[in-house]
Amino acid sequence: MLGAGDQIADASVWTGPHERRNLSELLDGGRALIVFYLFDWSST
């Protein structure tokens, strides 16, 4: 788990089906809560 003020590497993440964005684009200098849920857009 990251703490307040921790730096993260810029990475690509899927934000929806066929939608991929960089974390730097999503954060844009602000705070964020990032939650990963595996198979959210899957039929399984």
C-alpha atoms as a PDB file:
ATOM      1  CA  MET A   1       0.000   0.000   0.000  1.00  0.00           C
ATOM      2  CA  LEU A   2       1.248   3.489  -0.787  1.00  0.00           C
ATOM      3  CA  GLY A   3       1.406   6.212   1.793  1.00  0.00           C
ATOM      4  CA  ALA A   4       0.520   9.878   1.496  1.00  0.00           C
ATOM      5  CA  GLY A   5       3.011  11.664  -0.748  1.00  0.00           C
ATOM      6  CA  ASP A   6       4.482   8.469  -2.247  1.00  0.00           C
ATOM      7  CA  GLN A   7       5.525   8.695  -5.895  1.00  0.00           C
ATOM      8  CA  ILE A   8       4.394   6.093  -8.410  1.00  0.00           C
ATOM      9  CA  ALA A   9       5.760   5.182 -11.822  1.00  0.00           C
ATOM     10  CA  ASP A  10       3.762   6.261 -14.849  1.00  0.00           C
ATOM     11  CA  ALA A  11       1.977   3.194 -16.181  1.00  0.00           C
ATOM     12  CA  SER A  12      -0.791   2.389 -18.612  1.00  0.00           C
ATOM     13  CA  VAL A  13      -4.074   1.178 -17.125  1.00  0.00           C
ATOM     14  CA  TRP A  14      -7.353   0.039 -18.622  1.00  0.00           C
ATOM     15  CA  THR A  15     -10.146   2.457 -17.670  1.00  0.00           C
ATOM     16  CA  GLY A  16     -12.849   0.633 -19.596  1.00  0.00           C
ATOM     17  CA  PRO A  17     -13.346  -1.812 -22.414  1.00  0.00           C
ATOM     18  CA  HIS A  18     -10.840  -0.894 -25.142  1.00  0.00           C
ATOM     19  CA  GLU A  19      -9.848   2.280 -23.190  1.00  0.00           C
ATOM     20  CA  ARG A  20      -6.235   2.558 -22.059  1.00  0.00           C
ATOM     21  CA  ARG A  21      -4.731   5.657 -20.408  1.00  0.00           C
ATOM     22  CA  ASN A  22      -1.589   6.666 -18.522  1.00  0.00           C
ATOM     23  CA  LEU A  23      -1.750   7.271 -14.784  1.00  0.00           C
ATOM     24  CA  SER A  24      -0.100  10.679 -15.245  1.00  0.00           C
ATOM     25  CA  GLU A  25      -2.984  11.639 -17.525  1.00  0.00           C
ATOM     26  CA  LEU A  26      -5.581  10.526 -14.974  1.00  0.00           C
ATOM     27  CA  LEU A  27      -3.937  12.086 -11.940  1.00  0.00           C
ATOM     28  CA  ASP A  28      -2.886  15.354 -13.567  1.00  0.00           C
ATOM     29  CA  GLY A  29      -1.148  16.565 -10.395  1.00  0.00           C
ATOM     30  CA  GLY A  30      -4.092  15.821  -8.100  1.00  0.00           C
ATOM     31  CA  ARG A  31      -4.943  13.170  -5.558  1.00  0.00           C
ATOM     32  CA  ALA A  32      -6.588   9.900  -6.464  1.00  0.00           C
ATOM     33  CA  LEU A  33      -7.852   6.657  -5.023  1.00  0.00           C
ATOM     34  CA  ILE A  34      -6.985   3.894  -7.452  1.00  0.00           C
ATOM     35  CA  VAL A  35      -8.825   0.586  -7.130  1.00  0.00           C
ATOM     36  CA  PHE A  36      -8.176  -2.392  -9.385  1.00  0.00           C
ATOM     37  CA  TYR A  37     -10.941  -4.919  -9.943  1.00  0.00           C
ATOM     38  CA  LEU A  38      -9.956  -7.904 -12.057  1.00  0.00           C
ATOM     39  CA  PHE A  39     -12.505  -9.094 -14.658  1.00  0.00           C
ATOM     40  CA  ASP A  40     -14.806  -6.088 -14.224  1.00  0.00           C
ATOM     41  CA  TRP A  41     -15.492  -5.936 -17.982  1.00  0.00           C
ATOM     42  CA  SER A  42     -15.273  -9.659 -18.550  1.00  0.00           C
ATOM     43  CA  SER A  43     -18.111 -12.081 -19.120  1.00  0.00           C
ATOM     44  CA  THR A  44     -16.451 -14.573 -16.737  1.00  0.00           C
END
